[in-house]
Amino acid sequence: MTAMTDPYEIAAGVPSVEVFRRLRTDAGLSDRDPGAVAAALPNTWYGVVLRHEGEPIGMGRIIGDGGTAFQVVDICVHPAHQGRGLGRRIMAALTEELERRAPATAYVSLIADGPARFLYEKFGFADTAGHGSIGMYRFMGA
């Protein structure tokens, strides 16, 4: 597909609160509280929004301290557009920015749900268990 006929465009930025919530739920991810999203989005270190004919259909963000620790979050593509390499495009854009701006000593993490791990492995991410670590989390809600 050439750039002239490609109906998809990826651009740096973050979506609005409403679009963020819709993209997550459309992709089968959990919803987030609107106030929490409004507080979170401005703190994005780098984000991208994927559009199809101008309509937001995917996104991804990097959060972190800007020096030592980063986390890739909110990677999602609307189900009607999945299976077209669009998650790969989002990850490529995020990875390129990390390689451009993050210090070489930075630690970059993410949580891989289900088969998404195979996508992330293509970008150099590895299972932490193989390195003597395990991922852990604490959800602050009920």
C-alpha atoms as a PDB file:
ATOM      1  CA  MET A   1       0.000   0.000   0.000  1.00  0.00           C
ATOM      2  CA  THR A   2       1.510   3.357  -0.924  1.00  0.00           C
ATOM      3  CA  ALA A   3       1.393   6.430   1.259  1.00  0.00           C
ATOM      4  CA  MET A   4      -1.025   8.037  -1.211  1.00  0.00           C
ATOM      5  CA  THR A   5      -3.572   5.224  -0.828  1.00  0.00           C
ATOM      6  CA  ASP A   6      -2.957   4.421   2.838  1.00  0.00           C
ATOM      7  CA  PRO A   7      -6.130   5.394   4.743  1.00  0.00           C
ATOM      8  CA  TYR A   8      -4.225   5.290   8.066  1.00  0.00           C
ATOM      9  CA  GLU A   9      -2.261   8.138   9.597  1.00  0.00           C
ATOM     10  CA  ILE A  10      -0.272   8.063  12.823  1.00  0.00           C
ATOM     11  CA  ALA A  11       0.628  11.297  14.565  1.00  0.00           C
ATOM     12  CA  ALA A  12       2.246  12.308  17.821  1.00  0.00           C
ATOM     13  CA  GLY A  13      -0.166  13.346  20.553  1.00  0.00           C
ATOM     14  CA  VAL A  14      -2.840  12.044  22.850  1.00  0.00           C
ATOM     15  CA  PRO A  15      -6.582  11.824  22.275  1.00  0.00           C
ATOM     16  CA  SER A  16      -9.223  13.682  24.235  1.00  0.00           C
ATOM     17  CA  VAL A  17     -10.519  12.101  27.438  1.00  0.00           C
ATOM     18  CA  GLU A  18     -13.647  10.884  25.668  1.00  0.00           C
ATOM     19  CA  VAL A  19     -11.761   9.400  22.718  1.00  0.00           C
ATOM     20  CA  PHE A  20      -9.216   7.762  25.051  1.00  0.00           C
ATOM     21  CA  ARG A  21     -12.000   6.027  26.959  1.00  0.00           C
ATOM     22  CA  ARG A  22     -13.786   4.959  23.772  1.00  0.00           C
ATOM     23  CA  LEU A  23     -10.630   3.582  22.169  1.00  0.00           C
ATOM     24  CA  ARG A  24      -9.876   1.494  25.257  1.00  0.00           C
ATOM     25  CA  THR A  25     -13.354   0.053  25.632  1.00  0.00           C
ATOM     26  CA  ASP A  26     -13.812  -0.542  21.885  1.00  0.00           C
ATOM     27  CA  ALA A  27     -10.593  -2.582  21.947  1.00  0.00           C
ATOM     28  CA  GLY A  28     -11.758  -4.615  24.943  1.00  0.00           C
ATOM     29  CA  LEU A  29      -9.596  -2.868  27.529  1.00  0.00           C
ATOM     30  CA  SER A  30     -10.971  -1.634  30.830  1.00  0.00           C
ATOM     31  CA  ASP A  31     -12.564   1.795  31.059  1.00  0.00           C
ATOM     32  CA  ARG A  32     -10.934   4.496  33.155  1.00  0.00           C
ATOM     33  CA  ASP A  33     -12.437   7.210  35.311  1.00  0.00           C
ATOM     34  CA  PRO A  34     -12.768  10.461  33.305  1.00  0.00           C
ATOM     35  CA  GLY A  35     -11.099  12.515  36.036  1.00  0.00           C
ATOM     36  CA  ALA A  36      -8.176  10.113  36.221  1.00  0.00           C
ATOM     37  CA  VAL A  37      -7.771  10.197  32.441  1.00  0.00           C
ATOM     38  CA  ALA A  38      -7.875  14.015  32.441  1.00  0.00           C
ATOM     39  CA  ALA A  39      -5.065  14.025  35.030  1.00  0.00           C
ATOM     40  CA  ALA A  40      -3.019  11.356  33.226  1.00  0.00           C
ATOM     41  CA  LEU A  41      -2.994  12.453  29.592  1.00  0.00           C
ATOM     42  CA  PRO A  42      -0.998  15.690  30.074  1.00  0.00           C
ATOM     43  CA  ASN A  43       1.701  13.642  31.839  1.00  0.00           C
ATOM     44  CA  THR A  44       2.332  11.460  28.788  1.00  0.00           C
ATOM     45  CA  TRP A  45       6.038  11.451  27.882  1.00  0.00           C
ATOM     46  CA  TYR A  46       5.161  10.554  24.292  1.00  0.00           C
ATOM     47  CA  GLY A  47       1.973   9.367  22.658  1.00  0.00           C
ATOM     48  CA  VAL A  48       0.542   8.626  19.256  1.00  0.00           C
ATOM     49  CA  VAL A  49      -2.955   8.525  17.831  1.00  0.00           C
ATOM     50  CA  LEU A  50      -3.757   6.358  14.828  1.00  0.00           C
ATOM     51  CA  ARG A  51      -6.505   7.633  12.537  1.00  0.00           C
ATOM     52  CA  HIS A  52      -8.457   6.027   9.729  1.00  0.00           C
ATOM     53  CA  GLU A  53      -9.755   8.621   7.302  1.00  0.00           C
ATOM     54  CA  GLY A  54      -9.484  11.212  10.086  1.00  0.00           C
ATOM     55  CA  GLU A  55     -11.253   9.150  12.776  1.00  0.00           C
ATOM     56  CA  PRO A  56      -9.196   8.003  15.802  1.00  0.00           C
ATOM     57  CA  ILE A  57      -9.067   4.192  15.801  1.00  0.00           C
ATOM     58  CA  GLY A  58      -5.936   3.457  17.851  1.00  0.00           C
ATOM     59  CA  MET A  59      -3.361   4.864  20.232  1.00  0.00           C
ATOM     60  CA  GLY A  60      -0.344   4.199  22.385  1.00  0.00           C
ATOM     61  CA  ARG A  61       1.500   6.103  25.087  1.00  0.00           C
ATOM     62  CA  ILE A  62       4.772   6.138  26.982  1.00  0.00           C
ATOM     63  CA  ILE A  63       4.745   7.343  30.553  1.00  0.00           C
ATOM     64  CA  GLY A  64       7.656   7.712  32.927  1.00  0.00           C
ATOM     65  CA  ASP A  65      10.122   9.982  34.621  1.00  0.00           C
ATOM     66  CA  GLY A  66      11.904  11.005  31.434  1.00  0.00           C
ATOM     67  CA  GLY A  67      15.243   9.599  32.532  1.00  0.00           C
ATOM     68  CA  THR A  68      15.444   6.232  34.237  1.00  0.00           C
ATOM     69  CA  ALA A  69      12.067   4.556  33.896  1.00  0.00           C
ATOM     70  CA  PHE A  70       9.458   4.377  31.164  1.00  0.00           C
ATOM     71  CA  GLN A  71       6.352   2.272  30.636  1.00  0.00           C
ATOM     72  CA  VAL A  72       4.516   1.592  27.382  1.00  0.00           C
ATOM     73  CA  VAL A  73       0.755   1.753  28.017  1.00  0.00           C
ATOM     74  CA  ASP A  74      -2.639   2.005  26.353  1.00  0.00           C
ATOM     75  CA  ILE A  75      -1.712   0.248  23.113  1.00  0.00           C
ATOM     76  CA  CYS A  76      -4.993  -0.446  21.339  1.00  0.00           C
ATOM     77  CA  VAL A  77      -6.568  -0.659  17.891  1.00  0.00           C
ATOM     78  CA  HIS A  78     -10.294  -0.783  17.183  1.00  0.00           C
ATOM     79  CA  PRO A  79     -11.313  -4.406  16.429  1.00  0.00           C
ATOM     80  CA  ALA A  80     -12.578  -3.504  12.932  1.00  0.00           C
ATOM     81  CA  HIS A  81      -9.018  -2.480  12.036  1.00  0.00           C
ATOM     82  CA  GLN A  82      -7.033  -5.209  13.779  1.00  0.00           C
ATOM     83  CA  GLY A  83      -4.933  -7.701  11.843  1.00  0.00           C
ATOM     84  CA  ARG A  84      -3.495  -5.058   9.498  1.00  0.00           C
ATOM     85  CA  GLY A  85      -0.184  -4.388  11.224  1.00  0.00           C
ATOM     86  CA  LEU A  86      -1.478  -1.254  12.931  1.00  0.00           C
ATOM     87  CA  GLY A  87      -0.371  -2.296  16.420  1.00  0.00           C
ATOM     88  CA  ARG A  88       3.070  -2.749  14.896  1.00  0.00           C
ATOM     89  CA  ARG A  89       2.911   0.816  13.525  1.00  0.00           C
ATOM     90  CA  ILE A  90       2.012   2.174  16.948  1.00  0.00           C
ATOM     91  CA  MET A  91       4.837   0.239  18.609  1.00  0.00           C
ATOM     92  CA  ALA A  92       7.293   1.316  15.910  1.00  0.00           C
ATOM     93  CA  ALA A  93       6.461   4.979  16.504  1.00  0.00           C
ATOM     94  CA  LEU A  94       6.813   4.621  20.276  1.00  0.00           C
ATOM     95  CA  THR A  95      10.040   2.632  20.002  1.00  0.00           C
ATOM     96  CA  GLU A  96      11.553   5.141  17.582  1.00  0.00           C
ATOM     97  CA  GLU A  97      10.902   7.940  20.074  1.00  0.00           C
ATOM     98  CA  LEU A  98      12.412   5.932  22.933  1.00  0.00           C
ATOM     99  CA  GLU A  99      15.506   5.233  20.840  1.00  0.00           C
ATOM    100  CA  ARG A 100      15.746   8.901  19.896  1.00  0.00           C
ATOM    101  CA  ARG A 101      15.239  10.505  23.314  1.00  0.00           C
ATOM    102  CA  ALA A 102      15.511   8.045  26.197  1.00  0.00           C
ATOM    103  CA  PRO A 103      18.904   7.560  27.859  1.00  0.00           C
ATOM    104  CA  ALA A 104      20.703   4.317  27.016  1.00  0.00           C
ATOM    105  CA  THR A 105      20.462   3.270  30.680  1.00  0.00           C
ATOM    106  CA  ALA A 106      16.673   3.704  30.862  1.00  0.00           C
ATOM    107  CA  TYR A 107      14.474   0.761  31.850  1.00  0.00           C
ATOM    108  CA  VAL A 108      11.385   0.381  29.653  1.00  0.00           C
ATOM    109  CA  SER A 109       8.584  -1.919  30.746  1.00  0.00           C
ATOM    110  CA  LEU A 110       5.095  -2.921  29.668  1.00  0.00           C
ATOM    111  CA  ILE A 111       2.384  -5.414  30.509  1.00  0.00           C
ATOM    112  CA  ALA A 112       1.690  -7.845  27.661  1.00  0.00           C
ATOM    113  CA  ASP A 113      -1.852  -9.208  27.618  1.00  0.00           C
ATOM    114  CA  GLY A 114      -2.329 -12.517  25.825  1.00  0.00           C
ATOM    115  CA  PRO A 115      -0.850 -12.831  22.340  1.00  0.00           C
ATOM    116  CA  ALA A 116       0.274  -9.163  22.350  1.00  0.00           C
ATOM    117  CA  ARG A 117       3.525 -10.488  23.819  1.00  0.00           C
ATOM    118  CA  PHE A 118       4.533 -11.678  20.340  1.00  0.00           C
ATOM    119  CA  LEU A 119       4.219  -8.142  18.964  1.00  0.00           C
ATOM    120  CA  TYR A 120       6.237  -6.680  21.824  1.00  0.00           C
ATOM    121  CA  GLU A 121       8.957  -9.317  21.450  1.00  0.00           C
ATOM    122  CA  LYS A 122       9.524  -8.040  17.896  1.00  0.00           C
ATOM    123  CA  PHE A 123      10.505  -4.706  19.441  1.00  0.00           C
ATOM    124  CA  GLY A 124      13.036  -6.194  21.851  1.00  0.00           C
ATOM    125  CA  PHE A 125      10.858  -6.729  24.910  1.00  0.00           C
ATOM    126  CA  ALA A 126      11.466  -9.922  26.897  1.00  0.00           C
ATOM    127  CA  ASP A 127       9.670 -11.822  29.639  1.00  0.00           C
ATOM    128  CA  THR A 128      11.011 -10.547  32.959  1.00  0.00           C
ATOM    129  CA  ALA A 129      10.808 -14.020  34.514  1.00  0.00           C
ATOM    130  CA  GLY A 130      13.720 -15.077  32.315  1.00  0.00           C
ATOM    131  CA  HIS A 131      15.806 -12.406  34.032  1.00  0.00           C
ATOM    132  CA  GLY A 132      15.000 -13.358  37.612  1.00  0.00           C
ATOM    133  CA  SER A 133      12.171 -10.834  37.928  1.00  0.00           C
ATOM    134  CA  ILE A 134       8.412 -11.084  37.901  1.00  0.00           C
ATOM    135  CA  GLY A 135       5.971  -8.363  36.977  1.00  0.00           C
ATOM    136  CA  MET A 136       3.697  -7.270  39.801  1.00  0.00           C
ATOM    137  CA  TYR A 137       0.820  -4.875  40.106  1.00  0.00           C
ATOM    138  CA  ARG A 138      -1.603  -3.357  42.569  1.00  0.00           C
ATOM    139  CA  PHE A 139      -4.975  -2.081  41.392  1.00  0.00           C
ATOM    140  CA  MET A 140      -6.181   0.775  43.596  1.00  0.00           C
ATOM    141  CA  GLY A 141      -9.873   0.044  43.023  1.00  0.00           C
ATOM    142  CA  ALA A 142     -12.304  -2.496  44.324  1.00  0.00           C
END
